[in-house]
C-alpha atoms as a PDB file:
ATOM      1  CA  UNK A   1      -1.867 -40.647 -46.135  1.00  0.00           C
ATOM      2  CA  UNK A   2       0.243 -38.403 -46.704  1.00  0.00           C
ATOM      3  CA  UNK A   3       3.268 -40.126 -47.332  1.00  0.00           C
ATOM      4  CA  UNK A   4       1.517 -42.177 -49.651  1.00  0.00           C
ATOM      5  CA  UNK A   5       0.213 -39.612 -51.470  1.00  0.00           C
ATOM      6  CA  UNK A   6       3.763 -37.874 -51.746  1.00  0.00           C
ATOM      7  CA  UNK A   7       4.793 -41.231 -53.159  1.00  0.00           C
ATOM      8  CA  UNK A   8       2.288 -41.983 -55.117  1.00  0.00           C
ATOM      9  CA  UNK A   9       2.814 -38.343 -57.145  1.00  0.00           C
ATOM     10  CA  UNK A  10       6.380 -38.673 -57.364  1.00  0.00           C
ATOM     11  CA  UNK A  11       6.143 -42.869 -58.912  1.00  0.00           C
ATOM     12  CA  UNK A  12       3.666 -41.077 -61.190  1.00  0.00           C
ATOM     13  CA  UNK A  13       5.765 -38.222 -62.313  1.00  0.00           C
ATOM     14  CA  UNK A  14       8.467 -40.290 -63.134  1.00  0.00           C
ATOM     15  CA  UNK A  15       6.081 -42.945 -64.991  1.00  0.00           C
ATOM     16  CA  UNK A  16       4.977 -39.868 -66.904  1.00  0.00           C
ATOM     17  CA  UNK A  17       8.524 -39.129 -67.802  1.00  0.00           C
ATOM     18  CA  UNK A  18       9.284 -42.704 -68.867  1.00  0.00           C
ATOM     19  CA  UNK A  19       6.503 -41.805 -71.747  1.00  0.00           C
ATOM     20  CA  UNK A  20       8.907 -39.041 -72.865  1.00  0.00           C
ATOM     21  CA  UNK A  21      12.301 -40.363 -72.300  1.00  0.00           C
ATOM     22  CA  UNK A  22      10.904 -43.658 -74.677  1.00  0.00           C
ATOM     23  CA  UNK A  23      10.427 -41.576 -77.159  1.00  0.00           C
ATOM     24  CA  UNK A  24      13.731 -39.440 -77.073  1.00  0.00           C
ATOM     25  CA  UNK A  25      15.630 -42.763 -76.611  1.00  0.00           C
ATOM     26  CA  UNK A  26      13.777 -43.983 -79.830  1.00  0.00           C
ATOM     27  CA  UNK A  27      14.757 -41.049 -81.385  1.00  0.00           C
ATOM     28  CA  UNK A  28      18.284 -40.811 -80.517  1.00  0.00           C
ATOM     29  CA  UNK A  29      19.662 -44.568 -80.210  1.00  0.00           C
ATOM     30  CA  UNK A  30      20.352 -46.016 -84.075  1.00  0.00           C
ATOM     31  CA  UNK A  31      18.659 -48.760 -85.690  1.00  0.00           C
ATOM     32  CA  UNK A  32      20.764 -52.279 -86.731  1.00  0.00           C
ATOM     33  CA  UNK A  33      20.557 -53.314 -90.458  1.00  0.00           C
ATOM     34  CA  UNK A  34      19.248 -56.208 -91.237  1.00  0.00           C
ATOM     35  CA  UNK A  35      18.713 -58.087 -94.148  1.00  0.00           C
ATOM     36  CA  UNK A  36      15.188 -59.575 -95.944  1.00  0.00           C
ATOM     37  CA  UNK A  37      15.921 -63.138 -96.509  1.00  0.00           C
ATOM     38  CA  UNK A  38      13.188 -66.353 -96.950  1.00  0.00           C
ATOM     39  CA  UNK A  39      13.650 -66.914 -93.608  1.00  0.00           C
ATOM     40  CA  UNK A  40      12.476 -63.607 -93.019  1.00  0.00           C
ATOM     41  CA  UNK A  41      14.728 -60.842 -91.294  1.00  0.00           C
ATOM     42  CA  UNK A  42      18.323 -61.878 -90.548  1.00  0.00           C
ATOM     43  CA  UNK A  43      20.663 -59.238 -89.063  1.00  0.00           C
ATOM     44  CA  UNK A  44      23.031 -57.745 -91.630  1.00  0.00           C
ATOM     45  CA  UNK A  45      25.878 -57.570 -89.670  1.00  0.00           C
ATOM     46  CA  UNK A  46      26.538 -59.732 -86.389  1.00  0.00           C
ATOM     47  CA  UNK A  47      29.415 -57.603 -85.369  1.00  0.00           C
ATOM     48  CA  UNK A  48      26.805 -54.538 -85.735  1.00  0.00           C
ATOM     49  CA  UNK A  49      27.468 -51.642 -83.063  1.00  0.00           C
ATOM     50  CA  UNK A  50      24.338 -50.700 -83.147  1.00  0.00           C
ATOM     51  CA  UNK A  51      22.936 -53.423 -80.700  1.00  0.00           C
ATOM     52  CA  UNK A  52      25.462 -52.536 -78.121  1.00  0.00           C
ATOM     53  CA  UNK A  53      24.975 -48.220 -79.404  1.00  0.00           C
ATOM     54  CA  UNK A  54      20.834 -48.374 -78.473  1.00  0.00           C
ATOM     55  CA  UNK A  55      22.077 -50.102 -75.525  1.00  0.00           C
ATOM     56  CA  UNK A  56      23.995 -47.077 -74.461  1.00  0.00           C
ATOM     57  CA  UNK A  57      21.912 -44.887 -75.472  1.00  0.00           C
ATOM     58  CA  UNK A  58      19.236 -46.433 -73.308  1.00  0.00           C
ATOM     59  CA  UNK A  59      21.207 -45.597 -70.477  1.00  0.00           C
ATOM     60  CA  UNK A  60      22.779 -41.553 -71.485  1.00  0.00           C
ATOM     61  CA  UNK A  61      19.009 -41.039 -71.485  1.00  0.00           C
ATOM     62  CA  UNK A  62      17.588 -42.391 -68.596  1.00  0.00           C
ATOM     63  CA  UNK A  63      20.530 -41.643 -66.344  1.00  0.00           C
ATOM     64  CA  UNK A  64      20.098 -37.854 -67.403  1.00  0.00           C
ATOM     65  CA  UNK A  65      16.205 -38.466 -66.604  1.00  0.00           C
ATOM     66  CA  UNK A  66      17.472 -39.679 -63.547  1.00  0.00           C
ATOM     67  CA  UNK A  67      19.702 -37.119 -61.918  1.00  0.00           C
ATOM     68  CA  UNK A  68      17.217 -34.775 -63.354  1.00  0.00           C
ATOM     69  CA  UNK A  69      14.274 -36.511 -60.485  1.00  0.00           C
ATOM     70  CA  UNK A  70      17.325 -36.936 -58.152  1.00  0.00           C
ATOM     71  CA  UNK A  71      17.717 -32.877 -57.567  1.00  0.00           C
ATOM     72  CA  UNK A  72      13.899 -32.188 -57.873  1.00  0.00           C
ATOM     73  CA  UNK A  73      12.550 -35.103 -55.772  1.00  0.00           C
ATOM     74  CA  UNK A  74      15.671 -33.766 -53.341  1.00  0.00           C
ATOM     75  CA  UNK A  75      14.322 -29.937 -53.407  1.00  0.00           C
ATOM     76  CA  UNK A  76      10.856 -30.639 -53.038  1.00  0.00           C
ATOM     77  CA  UNK A  77      11.413 -32.804 -50.014  1.00  0.00           C
ATOM     78  CA  UNK A  78      13.683 -30.117 -48.594  1.00  0.00           C
ATOM     79  CA  UNK A  79      10.009 -29.819 -47.036  1.00  0.00           C
ATOM     80  CA  UNK A  80      10.509 -32.464 -44.335  1.00  0.00           C
ATOM     81  CA  UNK A  81       9.095 -35.610 -45.858  1.00  0.00           C
ATOM     82  CA  UNK A  82      12.341 -37.759 -47.838  1.00  0.00           C
ATOM     83  CA  UNK A  83      11.251 -41.076 -47.316  1.00  0.00           C
ATOM     84  CA  UNK A  84       8.312 -41.085 -49.278  1.00  0.00           C
ATOM     85  CA  UNK A  85      10.043 -39.307 -52.002  1.00  0.00           C
ATOM     86  CA  UNK A  86      13.191 -41.575 -51.956  1.00  0.00           C
ATOM     87  CA  UNK A  87      11.153 -44.880 -52.113  1.00  0.00           C
ATOM     88  CA  UNK A  88       9.415 -43.407 -55.141  1.00  0.00           C
ATOM     89  CA  UNK A  89      12.412 -42.182 -57.039  1.00  0.00           C
ATOM     90  CA  UNK A  90      13.184 -46.151 -56.745  1.00  0.00           C
ATOM     91  CA  UNK A  91      10.140 -47.312 -57.908  1.00  0.00           C
ATOM     92  CA  UNK A  92       9.047 -44.297 -60.303  1.00  0.00           C
ATOM     93  CA  UNK A  93      12.548 -44.760 -61.488  1.00  0.00           C
ATOM     94  CA  UNK A  94      12.313 -48.671 -62.377  1.00  0.00           C
ATOM     95  CA  UNK A  95       8.810 -48.219 -63.535  1.00  0.00           C
ATOM     96  CA  UNK A  96       9.792 -45.022 -65.475  1.00  0.00           C
ATOM     97  CA  UNK A  97      12.704 -46.770 -67.154  1.00  0.00           C
ATOM     98  CA  UNK A  98      10.627 -49.759 -67.996  1.00  0.00           C
ATOM     99  CA  UNK A  99       7.722 -47.781 -69.867  1.00  0.00           C
ATOM    100  CA  UNK A 100      11.113 -45.957 -71.535  1.00  0.00           C
ATOM    101  CA  UNK A 101      12.002 -49.403 -73.145  1.00  0.00           C
ATOM    102  CA  UNK A 102       8.665 -50.526 -73.868  1.00  0.00           C
ATOM    103  CA  UNK A 103       7.336 -46.887 -75.647  1.00  0.00           C
ATOM    104  CA  UNK A 104      10.835 -46.442 -77.186  1.00  0.00           C
ATOM    105  CA  UNK A 105      10.805 -50.174 -78.838  1.00  0.00           C
ATOM    106  CA  UNK A 106       6.647 -48.948 -80.056  1.00  0.00           C
ATOM    107  CA  UNK A 107       8.080 -46.202 -81.427  1.00  0.00           C
ATOM    108  CA  UNK A 108      10.621 -46.119 -83.617  1.00  0.00           C
ATOM    109  CA  UNK A 109      11.339 -41.954 -85.009  1.00  0.00           C
ATOM    110  CA  UNK A 110      14.866 -42.211 -85.065  1.00  0.00           C
ATOM    111  CA  UNK A 111      16.939 -41.077 -88.015  1.00  0.00           C
ATOM    112  CA  UNK A 112      17.749 -44.065 -90.710  1.00  0.00           C
ATOM    113  CA  UNK A 113      21.448 -45.080 -90.538  1.00  0.00           C
ATOM    114  CA  UNK A 114      21.751 -48.391 -92.849  1.00  0.00           C
ATOM    115  CA  UNK A 115      22.830 -48.100 -96.051  1.00  0.00           C
ATOM    116  CA  UNK A 116      22.868 -50.868 -98.834  1.00  0.00           C
ATOM    117  CA  UNK A 117      25.951 -52.510 -99.558  1.00  0.00           C
ATOM    118  CA  UNK A 118      25.950 -54.363-103.450  1.00  0.00           C
ATOM    119  CA  UNK A 119      22.935 -53.839-105.631  1.00  0.00           C
ATOM    120  CA  UNK A 120      20.560 -56.817-104.526  1.00  0.00           C
ATOM    121  CA  UNK A 121      21.508 -55.495-100.845  1.00  0.00           C
ATOM    122  CA  UNK A 122      17.910 -54.840 -99.307  1.00  0.00           C
ATOM    123  CA  UNK A 123      18.859 -53.569 -96.535  1.00  0.00           C
ATOM    124  CA  UNK A 124      16.470 -52.055 -93.683  1.00  0.00           C
ATOM    125  CA  UNK A 125      16.298 -50.904 -90.132  1.00  0.00           C
ATOM    126  CA  UNK A 126      15.481 -52.948 -87.541  1.00  0.00           C
ATOM    127  CA  UNK A 127      13.537 -52.934 -84.514  1.00  0.00           C
ATOM    128  CA  UNK A 128      14.970 -50.933 -81.259  1.00  0.00           C
ATOM    129  CA  UNK A 129      15.707 -52.531 -78.219  1.00  0.00           C
ATOM    130  CA  UNK A 130      17.552 -53.007 -74.641  1.00  0.00           C
ATOM    131  CA  UNK A 131      19.876 -55.971 -75.600  1.00  0.00           C
ATOM    132  CA  UNK A 132      21.596 -55.350 -71.914  1.00  0.00           C
ATOM    133  CA  UNK A 133      19.248 -55.320 -68.972  1.00  0.00           C
ATOM    134  CA  UNK A 134      21.259 -53.758 -67.082  1.00  0.00           C
ATOM    135  CA  UNK A 135      20.416 -50.452 -68.245  1.00  0.00           C
ATOM    136  CA  UNK A 136      16.664 -50.508 -66.971  1.00  0.00           C
ATOM    137  CA  UNK A 137      18.494 -49.728 -63.473  1.00  0.00           C
ATOM    138  CA  UNK A 138      20.749 -46.423 -64.416  1.00  0.00           C
ATOM    139  CA  UNK A 139      17.402 -43.949 -64.082  1.00  0.00           C
ATOM    140  CA  UNK A 140      16.029 -45.312 -60.124  1.00  0.00           C
ATOM    141  CA  UNK A 141      20.440 -45.992 -59.162  1.00  0.00           C
ATOM    142  CA  UNK A 142      21.136 -42.257 -60.203  1.00  0.00           C
ATOM    143  CA  UNK A 143      18.360 -40.629 -58.925  1.00  0.00           C
ATOM    144  CA  UNK A 144      18.682 -42.064 -55.436  1.00  0.00           C
ATOM    145  CA  UNK A 145      22.317 -41.840 -55.681  1.00  0.00           C
ATOM    146  CA  UNK A 146      22.048 -38.182 -56.268  1.00  0.00           C
ATOM    147  CA  UNK A 147      19.100 -37.834 -53.542  1.00  0.00           C
ATOM    148  CA  UNK A 148      21.154 -38.992 -50.706  1.00  0.00           C
ATOM    149  CA  UNK A 149      24.888 -36.921 -51.870  1.00  0.00           C
ATOM    150  CA  UNK A 150      22.743 -34.320 -51.764  1.00  0.00           C
ATOM    151  CA  UNK A 151      21.451 -35.326 -47.987  1.00  0.00           C
ATOM    152  CA  UNK A 152      24.853 -35.866 -47.332  1.00  0.00           C
ATOM    153  CA  UNK A 153      26.110 -32.600 -48.570  1.00  0.00           C
ATOM    154  CA  UNK A 154      23.375 -30.548 -46.606  1.00  0.00           C
ATOM    155  CA  UNK A 155      23.437 -32.791 -43.728  1.00  0.00           C
ATOM    156  CA  UNK A 156      26.984 -31.820 -43.298  1.00  0.00           C
ATOM    157  CA  UNK A 157      27.272 -28.173 -44.201  1.00  0.00           C
ATOM    158  CA  UNK A 158      24.215 -27.810 -40.849  1.00  0.00           C
ATOM    159  CA  UNK A 159      25.952 -30.442 -38.610  1.00  0.00           C
ATOM    160  CA  UNK A 160      27.178 -28.351 -35.398  1.00  0.00           C
ATOM    161  CA  UNK A 161      29.430 -31.477 -35.805  1.00  0.00           C
ATOM    162  CA  UNK A 162      31.499 -29.296 -38.111  1.00  0.00           C
ATOM    163  CA  UNK A 163      31.550 -25.612 -35.888  1.00  0.00           C
ATOM    164  CA  UNK A 164      33.435 -26.904 -32.915  1.00  0.00           C
ATOM    165  CA  UNK A 165      33.793 -24.240 -30.069  1.00  0.00           C
ATOM    166  CA  UNK A 166      30.194 -23.175 -30.575  1.00  0.00           C
ATOM    167  CA  UNK A 167      30.443 -22.063 -34.662  1.00  0.00           C
ATOM    168  CA  UNK A 168      33.539 -19.783 -33.943  1.00  0.00           C
ATOM    169  CA  UNK A 169      36.897 -20.204 -35.489  1.00  0.00           C
ATOM    170  CA  UNK A 170      39.256 -21.200 -32.678  1.00  0.00           C
ATOM    171  CA  UNK A 171      42.409 -19.971 -34.703  1.00  0.00           C
ATOM    172  CA  UNK A 172      40.774 -16.270 -34.934  1.00  0.00           C
ATOM    173  CA  UNK A 173      40.328 -14.749 -38.295  1.00  0.00           C
ATOM    174  CA  UNK A 174      43.055 -15.278 -41.849  1.00  0.00           C
ATOM    175  CA  UNK A 175      43.031 -11.386 -41.386  1.00  0.00           C
ATOM    176  CA  UNK A 176      45.392 -11.932 -37.820  1.00  0.00           C
ATOM    177  CA  UNK A 177      47.658 -13.881 -38.974  1.00  0.00           C
ATOM    178  CA  UNK A 178      51.655 -13.264 -40.432  1.00  0.00           C
ATOM    179  CA  UNK A 179      52.390 -15.255 -42.983  1.00  0.00           C
ATOM    180  CA  UNK A 180      56.150 -13.348 -43.734  1.00  0.00           C
ATOM    181  CA  UNK A 181      56.947 -15.452 -40.289  1.00  0.00           C
ATOM    182  CA  UNK A 182      57.628 -12.637 -38.013  1.00  0.00           C
END
């Protein structure tokens, strides 16, 4: 029962963080320029870098949040129940990234960086969207990866195999060495 509770709390906290990450992504990412035509809005410059930049900003925002969640999840689970936290980081990271995408696409709070190139051009900022679906995995991958890295470092530092001979240094203290070779 406690494992299910730890899992659900982790997923819910990450879902709430996903809403905040979506608003932050919407604020930071540039909007692609669109031009209004008779057929409706069209991408003004098909070679624009704004679509790629939006994906990059999504990966940065969710990656940083994923690292923070991984560190927080590790510090909270130090009391002895890491499995529900790790599974919660993976599931909650996926849910949080999905919610961040939905919120970021719905909330347009970012700065408009579209300029008209001529007197008859009616450019407008386009909608924010994730075009590279792989960036949705930045959050859970970095959260779980940092958790396992911290667990591995702690396990290595606490390992009795790291200190042979009962924890004593087999060569004695460093002050007893004669560096000059005498």
